Amino acid sequence: MQTVLGGVLALALLEASTSSNEAAGRVGTLLDHIAGGIAHVLSPSVPAIPDLRHKGGAATSSATDASGSSSSGSTTMPADWSTSAKSIYV
């Protein structure tokens, strides 16, 4: 009985959404937006896990340390971190 009621409700919604050209246009626009979202999610150029290392001044290969010389440290560290060993004891 629930399946029949669900089918009747689905057909009623389909009839209401496609009964006029304006309603069909709105449904088509909605489907276009849904398809665009699915294409964005499945796109190989969009990472599933965003790389947050590049936000907020992440270092590049041309980062310099405190002395002004070019650093050959990790490119994932922020630019203001020095990769040289410093004594933490006074």
N, C-alpha and C. Protein backbone atom coordinates (compact mmCIF):
# COMPACT_ATOMS: atom_id res chain seq x y z
N MET A 1 0.81 -1.19 0.00
CA MET A 1 0.00 0.00 0.00
C MET A 1 0.86 1.27 0.00
N GLN A 2 1.99 1.24 0.73
CA GLN A 2 2.86 2.41 0.78
C GLN A 2 3.50 2.68 -0.58
N THR A 3 3.85 1.63 -1.30
CA THR A 3 4.46 1.79 -2.61
C THR A 3 3.49 2.45 -3.59
N VAL A 4 2.24 2.06 -3.54
CA VAL A 4 1.22 2.64 -4.41
C VAL A 4 1.02 4.11 -4.07
N LEU A 5 0.96 4.42 -2.78
CA LEU A 5 0.79 5.81 -2.35
C LEU A 5 1.99 6.66 -2.75
N GLY A 6 3.19 6.09 -2.62
CA GLY A 6 4.40 6.81 -3.03
C GLY A 6 4.42 7.06 -4.52
N GLY A 7 3.98 6.08 -5.29
CA GLY A 7 3.92 6.23 -6.74
C GLY A 7 2.92 7.29 -7.16
N VAL A 8 1.77 7.31 -6.52
CA VAL A 8 0.75 8.31 -6.83
C VAL A 8 1.26 9.71 -6.48
N LEU A 9 1.93 9.83 -5.34
CA LEU A 9 2.48 11.12 -4.93
C LEU A 9 3.57 11.58 -5.89
N ALA A 10 4.44 10.67 -6.32
CA ALA A 10 5.49 11.02 -7.27
C ALA A 10 4.91 11.47 -8.60
N LEU A 11 3.89 10.78 -9.07
CA LEU A 11 3.26 11.18 -10.33
C LEU A 11 2.55 12.52 -10.21
N ALA A 12 1.94 12.79 -9.06
CA ALA A 12 1.29 14.09 -8.84
C ALA A 12 2.31 15.22 -8.84
N LEU A 13 3.48 15.00 -8.20
CA LEU A 13 4.53 16.02 -8.20
C LEU A 13 5.09 16.23 -9.60
N LEU A 14 5.26 15.15 -10.36
CA LEU A 14 5.75 15.26 -11.72
C LEU A 14 4.76 16.05 -12.59
N GLU A 15 3.48 15.77 -12.42
CA GLU A 15 2.45 16.49 -13.18
C GLU A 15 2.45 17.97 -12.82
N ALA A 16 2.58 18.29 -11.54
CA ALA A 16 2.56 19.68 -11.11
C ALA A 16 3.80 20.43 -11.58
N SER A 17 4.94 19.74 -11.62
CA SER A 17 6.18 20.43 -12.00
C SER A 17 6.34 20.59 -13.50
N THR A 18 5.60 19.85 -14.28
CA THR A 18 5.75 19.96 -15.74
C THR A 18 4.45 20.38 -16.43
N SER A 19 3.48 20.86 -15.69
CA SER A 19 2.19 21.20 -16.28
C SER A 19 2.24 22.45 -17.14
N SER A 20 3.17 23.36 -16.88
CA SER A 20 3.28 24.57 -17.70
C SER A 20 4.73 24.74 -18.14
N ASN A 21 4.93 25.62 -19.10
CA ASN A 21 6.28 25.88 -19.58
C ASN A 21 7.14 26.53 -18.51
N GLU A 22 6.56 27.40 -17.71
CA GLU A 22 7.31 28.07 -16.65
C GLU A 22 7.76 27.07 -15.59
N ALA A 23 6.85 26.18 -15.20
CA ALA A 23 7.20 25.16 -14.20
C ALA A 23 8.26 24.22 -14.75
N ALA A 24 8.12 23.84 -16.00
CA ALA A 24 9.12 22.96 -16.61
C ALA A 24 10.48 23.65 -16.69
N GLY A 25 10.48 24.95 -16.97
CA GLY A 25 11.73 25.72 -17.00
C GLY A 25 12.40 25.77 -15.64
N ARG A 26 11.60 25.95 -14.58
CA ARG A 26 12.17 25.97 -13.23
C ARG A 26 12.75 24.62 -12.85
N VAL A 27 12.06 23.55 -13.21
CA VAL A 27 12.56 22.21 -12.92
C VAL A 27 13.84 21.95 -13.73
N GLY A 28 13.86 22.39 -14.97
CA GLY A 28 15.07 22.23 -15.79
C GLY A 28 16.25 22.99 -15.23
N THR A 29 16.01 24.21 -14.73
CA THR A 29 17.07 25.00 -14.11
C THR A 29 17.59 24.31 -12.85
N LEU A 30 16.69 23.77 -12.06
CA LEU A 30 17.09 23.05 -10.86
C LEU A 30 17.94 21.83 -11.22
N LEU A 31 17.54 21.10 -12.24
CA LEU A 31 18.31 19.93 -12.67
C LEU A 31 19.67 20.34 -13.22
N ASP A 32 19.76 21.50 -13.89
CA ASP A 32 21.05 21.99 -14.37
C ASP A 32 21.98 22.30 -13.21
N HIS A 33 21.45 22.91 -12.15
CA HIS A 33 22.27 23.22 -10.98
C HIS A 33 22.74 21.95 -10.28
N ILE A 34 21.86 20.98 -10.19
CA ILE A 34 22.23 19.70 -9.57
C ILE A 34 23.32 19.01 -10.39
N ALA A 35 23.17 19.01 -11.72
CA ALA A 35 24.16 18.39 -12.59
C ALA A 35 25.51 19.11 -12.49
N GLY A 36 25.48 20.44 -12.38
CA GLY A 36 26.72 21.20 -12.21
C GLY A 36 27.42 20.86 -10.91
N GLY A 37 26.64 20.70 -9.84
CA GLY A 37 27.23 20.31 -8.55
C GLY A 37 27.84 18.93 -8.60
N ILE A 38 27.17 18.01 -9.26
CA ILE A 38 27.70 16.65 -9.39
C ILE A 38 28.98 16.66 -10.23
N ALA A 39 28.98 17.44 -11.31
CA ALA A 39 30.18 17.54 -12.14
C ALA A 39 31.34 18.14 -11.36
N HIS A 40 31.07 19.11 -10.49
CA HIS A 40 32.11 19.72 -9.66
C HIS A 40 32.68 18.70 -8.68
N VAL A 41 31.80 17.92 -8.06
CA VAL A 41 32.24 16.91 -7.09
C VAL A 41 33.08 15.84 -7.76
N LEU A 42 32.71 15.43 -8.97
CA LEU A 42 33.41 14.35 -9.65
C LEU A 42 34.58 14.82 -10.50
N SER A 43 34.83 16.13 -10.55
CA SER A 43 35.90 16.66 -11.38
C SER A 43 37.27 16.24 -10.85
N PRO A 44 38.15 15.75 -11.72
CA PRO A 44 39.49 15.36 -11.26
C PRO A 44 40.37 16.55 -10.91
N SER A 45 39.99 17.76 -11.31
CA SER A 45 40.81 18.92 -11.00
C SER A 45 40.46 19.54 -9.65
N VAL A 46 39.40 19.08 -9.01
CA VAL A 46 39.01 19.59 -7.69
C VAL A 46 39.42 18.56 -6.65
N PRO A 47 40.30 18.95 -5.70
CA PRO A 47 40.74 17.97 -4.71
C PRO A 47 39.64 17.63 -3.73
N ALA A 48 39.57 16.36 -3.33
CA ALA A 48 38.57 15.93 -2.37
C ALA A 48 38.90 16.47 -0.99
N ILE A 49 40.19 16.56 -0.67
CA ILE A 49 40.65 17.13 0.59
C ILE A 49 41.45 18.37 0.23
N PRO A 50 41.00 19.56 0.62
CA PRO A 50 41.71 20.77 0.23
C PRO A 50 43.09 20.85 0.88
N ASP A 51 44.05 21.42 0.16
CA ASP A 51 45.41 21.58 0.66
C ASP A 51 45.49 22.89 1.41
N LEU A 52 45.44 22.85 2.73
CA LEU A 52 45.42 24.06 3.56
C LEU A 52 46.81 24.61 3.81
N ARG A 53 47.84 23.93 3.34
CA ARG A 53 49.20 24.43 3.55
C ARG A 53 49.45 25.71 2.79
N HIS A 54 48.73 25.98 1.73
CA HIS A 54 48.99 27.15 0.90
C HIS A 54 48.21 28.38 1.35
N LYS A 55 47.46 28.29 2.42
CA LYS A 55 46.73 29.46 2.92
C LYS A 55 47.57 30.18 3.96
N GLY A 56 47.48 31.50 4.00
CA GLY A 56 48.12 32.27 5.06
C GLY A 56 49.62 32.37 4.96
N GLY A 57 50.18 32.55 3.79
CA GLY A 57 51.60 32.81 3.66
C GLY A 57 52.48 31.59 3.71
N ALA A 58 52.06 30.51 3.14
CA ALA A 58 52.90 29.32 3.10
C ALA A 58 54.13 29.60 2.25
N ALA A 59 55.21 28.96 2.59
CA ALA A 59 56.47 29.21 1.92
C ALA A 59 56.46 28.65 0.50
N THR A 60 57.26 29.26 -0.32
CA THR A 60 57.48 28.74 -1.66
C THR A 60 58.94 28.35 -1.76
N SER A 61 59.37 27.93 -2.91
CA SER A 61 60.75 27.48 -3.06
C SER A 61 61.73 28.64 -2.95
N SER A 62 61.28 29.89 -2.99
CA SER A 62 62.17 31.03 -2.89
C SER A 62 62.11 31.69 -1.52
N ALA A 63 61.74 30.95 -0.48
CA ALA A 63 61.66 31.50 0.87
C ALA A 63 63.04 31.84 1.39
N THR A 64 63.11 32.89 2.19
CA THR A 64 64.38 33.29 2.79
C THR A 64 64.29 33.18 4.29
N ASP A 65 65.43 32.87 4.93
CA ASP A 65 65.44 32.80 6.39
C ASP A 65 65.75 34.17 6.98
N ALA A 66 65.97 34.25 8.29
CA ALA A 66 66.16 35.53 8.98
C ALA A 66 67.39 36.27 8.50
N SER A 67 68.43 35.58 8.05
CA SER A 67 69.65 36.25 7.60
C SER A 67 69.52 36.81 6.18
N GLY A 68 68.44 36.49 5.50
CA GLY A 68 68.22 36.99 4.16
C GLY A 68 68.72 36.07 3.08
N SER A 69 69.40 35.00 3.46
CA SER A 69 69.87 34.05 2.44
C SER A 69 68.75 33.09 2.09
N SER A 70 68.87 32.52 0.94
CA SER A 70 67.83 31.62 0.47
C SER A 70 67.85 30.34 1.28
N SER A 71 66.68 29.89 1.68
CA SER A 71 66.55 28.68 2.49
C SER A 71 66.30 27.48 1.61
N SER A 72 66.89 26.35 1.95
CA SER A 72 66.65 25.14 1.19
C SER A 72 65.81 24.17 2.00
N GLY A 73 65.00 24.68 2.93
CA GLY A 73 64.19 23.85 3.80
C GLY A 73 62.93 23.38 3.10
N SER A 74 62.03 22.86 3.89
CA SER A 74 60.78 22.33 3.37
C SER A 74 59.93 23.45 2.78
N THR A 75 59.27 23.16 1.69
CA THR A 75 58.42 24.17 1.06
C THR A 75 57.04 24.22 1.69
N THR A 76 56.76 23.36 2.67
CA THR A 76 55.45 23.37 3.29
C THR A 76 55.42 24.20 4.57
N MET A 77 56.57 24.68 5.03
CA MET A 77 56.61 25.48 6.26
C MET A 77 56.30 26.93 5.93
N PRO A 78 55.69 27.67 6.85
CA PRO A 78 55.45 29.09 6.61
C PRO A 78 56.75 29.83 6.38
N ALA A 79 56.70 30.91 5.63
CA ALA A 79 57.90 31.63 5.23
C ALA A 79 58.64 32.24 6.41
N ASP A 80 57.96 32.54 7.51
CA ASP A 80 58.65 33.18 8.63
C ASP A 80 59.31 32.19 9.58
N TRP A 81 59.21 30.90 9.32
CA TRP A 81 59.88 29.90 10.14
C TRP A 81 61.26 29.66 9.56
N SER A 82 62.25 29.64 10.40
CA SER A 82 63.60 29.36 9.94
C SER A 82 63.85 27.87 10.07
N THR A 83 64.53 27.30 9.09
CA THR A 83 64.83 25.88 9.15
C THR A 83 66.19 25.61 9.77
N SER A 84 66.93 26.68 10.10
CA SER A 84 68.24 26.48 10.71
C SER A 84 68.05 26.13 12.18
N ALA A 85 69.01 25.38 12.73
CA ALA A 85 68.93 24.95 14.12
C ALA A 85 69.30 26.12 15.03
N LYS A 86 68.42 26.46 15.94
CA LYS A 86 68.66 27.54 16.89
C LYS A 86 68.62 26.96 18.29
N SER A 87 69.45 27.48 19.15
CA SER A 87 69.47 27.02 20.52
C SER A 87 68.28 27.61 21.27
N ILE A 88 67.56 26.75 21.98
CA ILE A 88 66.44 27.24 22.75
C ILE A 88 66.83 27.52 24.19
N TYR A 89 68.09 27.20 24.52
CA TYR A 89 68.59 27.41 25.88
C TYR A 89 69.35 28.74 25.95
N VAL A 90 69.16 29.46 27.03
CA VAL A 90 69.83 30.76 27.19
C VAL A 90 71.03 30.63 28.06
